Amino acid sequence: MNLDSIPCDFFVDISGTDCAVPFSKLNDALEVLQPGQTLMAVSGKQALLSDIPAFCRQRNLQLIDQGEMDDMFYFLISLQGH
């Protein structure tokens, strides 16, 4: 199994050189997400394993799954239904 085998509606690489870049990329990607759709975000930064769940709680997003695969950390995110 690899990252390509995980179904999602949108994909974004949130790797960045500083702590603001991943969240800027993630916010841009979330603007096109509709309720019920999923976004796969990937990064090589282990620190995001705790940052992304906190971000999802603050933004009322559902973190469906997270883990490590293909030397990357992945986060499968969905909008909460309104």
C-alpha atoms as a PDB file:
ATOM      1  CA  MET A   1       0.000   0.000   0.000  1.00  0.00           C
ATOM      2  CA  ASN A   2       1.187   3.518  -0.789  1.00  0.00           C
ATOM      3  CA  LEU A   3      -0.164   7.061  -0.560  1.00  0.00           C
ATOM      4  CA  ASP A   4      -1.652   6.854  -4.070  1.00  0.00           C
ATOM      5  CA  SER A   5      -3.905   4.013  -2.921  1.00  0.00           C
ATOM      6  CA  ILE A   6      -5.719   6.155  -0.317  1.00  0.00           C
ATOM      7  CA  PRO A   7      -8.838   7.676  -1.931  1.00  0.00           C
ATOM      8  CA  CYS A   8      -9.238  11.454  -1.656  1.00  0.00           C
ATOM      9  CA  ASP A   9     -10.776  14.320  -3.612  1.00  0.00           C
ATOM     10  CA  PHE A  10      -7.823  16.692  -3.307  1.00  0.00           C
ATOM     11  CA  PHE A  11      -4.091  16.317  -2.615  1.00  0.00           C
ATOM     12  CA  VAL A  12      -1.646  18.905  -1.285  1.00  0.00           C
ATOM     13  CA  ASP A  13       2.012  18.705  -0.286  1.00  0.00           C
ATOM     14  CA  ILE A  14       2.309  20.889   2.822  1.00  0.00           C
ATOM     15  CA  SER A  15       6.070  20.553   3.176  1.00  0.00           C
ATOM     16  CA  GLY A  16       7.649  23.912   3.818  1.00  0.00           C
ATOM     17  CA  THR A  17      10.753  25.635   5.101  1.00  0.00           C
ATOM     18  CA  ASP A  18       9.123  27.316   8.090  1.00  0.00           C
ATOM     19  CA  CYS A  19       6.174  26.720  10.363  1.00  0.00           C
ATOM     20  CA  ALA A  20       3.790  29.086   8.536  1.00  0.00           C
ATOM     21  CA  VAL A  21       4.193  27.563   5.048  1.00  0.00           C
ATOM     22  CA  PRO A  22       2.436  24.215   5.690  1.00  0.00           C
ATOM     23  CA  PHE A  23      -0.621  25.918   7.166  1.00  0.00           C
ATOM     24  CA  SER A  24      -0.750  28.514   4.393  1.00  0.00           C
ATOM     25  CA  LYS A  25      -0.761  25.717   1.789  1.00  0.00           C
ATOM     26  CA  LEU A  26      -3.345  23.782   3.795  1.00  0.00           C
ATOM     27  CA  ASN A  27      -5.649  26.803   4.120  1.00  0.00           C
ATOM     28  CA  ASP A  28      -5.445  27.429   0.357  1.00  0.00           C
ATOM     29  CA  ALA A  29      -6.375  23.807  -0.370  1.00  0.00           C
ATOM     30  CA  LEU A  30      -9.257  23.839   2.112  1.00  0.00           C
ATOM     31  CA  GLU A  31     -10.906  26.774   0.311  1.00  0.00           C
ATOM     32  CA  VAL A  32     -12.045  24.454  -2.504  1.00  0.00           C
ATOM     33  CA  LEU A  33     -13.104  21.569  -0.253  1.00  0.00           C
ATOM     34  CA  GLN A  34     -16.846  20.958   0.020  1.00  0.00           C
ATOM     35  CA  PRO A  35     -18.602  19.084   2.872  1.00  0.00           C
ATOM     36  CA  GLY A  36     -18.172  15.352   2.360  1.00  0.00           C
ATOM     37  CA  GLN A  37     -15.001  15.725   0.284  1.00  0.00           C
ATOM     38  CA  THR A  38     -11.584  14.679   1.560  1.00  0.00           C
ATOM     39  CA  LEU A  39      -8.198  16.320   1.363  1.00  0.00           C
ATOM     40  CA  MET A  40      -4.942  14.378   1.590  1.00  0.00           C
ATOM     41  CA  ALA A  41      -2.109  16.493   2.962  1.00  0.00           C
ATOM     42  CA  VAL A  42       1.441  15.118   3.097  1.00  0.00           C
ATOM     43  CA  SER A  43       4.666  16.343   4.653  1.00  0.00           C
ATOM     44  CA  GLY A  44       8.035  15.035   5.711  1.00  0.00           C
ATOM     45  CA  LYS A  45       7.832  16.939   9.021  1.00  0.00           C
ATOM     46  CA  GLN A  46       7.117  14.758  12.041  1.00  0.00           C
ATOM     47  CA  ALA A  47       6.115  17.790  14.131  1.00  0.00           C
ATOM     48  CA  LEU A  48       2.899  18.061  12.108  1.00  0.00           C
ATOM     49  CA  LEU A  49       1.655  14.824  13.725  1.00  0.00           C
ATOM     50  CA  SER A  50       0.550  16.951  16.672  1.00  0.00           C
ATOM     51  CA  ASP A  51       0.056  20.292  14.861  1.00  0.00           C
ATOM     52  CA  ILE A  52      -2.425  19.084  12.223  1.00  0.00           C
ATOM     53  CA  PRO A  53      -4.871  17.475  14.717  1.00  0.00           C
ATOM     54  CA  ALA A  54      -4.872  20.731  16.718  1.00  0.00           C
ATOM     55  CA  PHE A  55      -5.429  22.723  13.506  1.00  0.00           C
ATOM     56  CA  CYS A  56      -8.364  20.471  12.594  1.00  0.00           C
ATOM     57  CA  ARG A  57      -9.978  20.947  16.016  1.00  0.00           C
ATOM     58  CA  GLN A  58      -9.629  24.736  15.760  1.00  0.00           C
ATOM     59  CA  ARG A  59     -11.122  24.824  12.243  1.00  0.00           C
ATOM     60  CA  ASN A  60     -13.926  22.291  12.931  1.00  0.00           C
ATOM     61  CA  LEU A  61     -12.421  19.834  10.443  1.00  0.00           C
ATOM     62  CA  GLN A  62     -12.586  16.066  10.756  1.00  0.00           C
ATOM     63  CA  LEU A  63      -9.222  14.305  10.790  1.00  0.00           C
ATOM     64  CA  ILE A  64     -10.235  10.975   9.274  1.00  0.00           C
ATOM     65  CA  ASP A  65      -6.801   9.357   9.326  1.00  0.00           C
ATOM     66  CA  GLN A  66      -3.136  10.140   9.798  1.00  0.00           C
ATOM     67  CA  GLY A  67       0.016   8.107   9.652  1.00  0.00           C
ATOM     68  CA  GLU A  68       3.347   7.515   7.982  1.00  0.00           C
ATOM     69  CA  MET A  69       3.815   5.936   4.586  1.00  0.00           C
ATOM     70  CA  ASP A  70       6.442   6.187   1.834  1.00  0.00           C
ATOM     71  CA  ASP A  71       8.700   8.227   4.182  1.00  0.00           C
ATOM     72  CA  MET A  72       5.985  10.891   4.428  1.00  0.00           C
ATOM     73  CA  PHE A  73       3.411  11.758   7.048  1.00  0.00           C
ATOM     74  CA  TYR A  74      -0.129  11.936   5.723  1.00  0.00           C
ATOM     75  CA  PHE A  75      -3.341  13.503   6.970  1.00  0.00           C
ATOM     76  CA  LEU A  76      -6.773  12.750   5.530  1.00  0.00           C
ATOM     77  CA  ILE A  77      -9.080  15.671   6.333  1.00  0.00           C
ATOM     78  CA  SER A  78     -12.784  16.288   5.705  1.00  0.00           C
ATOM     79  CA  LEU A  79     -15.079  19.240   6.313  1.00  0.00           C
ATOM     80  CA  GLN A  80     -17.717  18.700   8.974  1.00  0.00           C
ATOM     81  CA  GLY A  81     -21.230  18.576   7.525  1.00  0.00           C
ATOM     82  CA  HIS A  82     -23.217  21.771   8.013  1.00  0.00           C
END
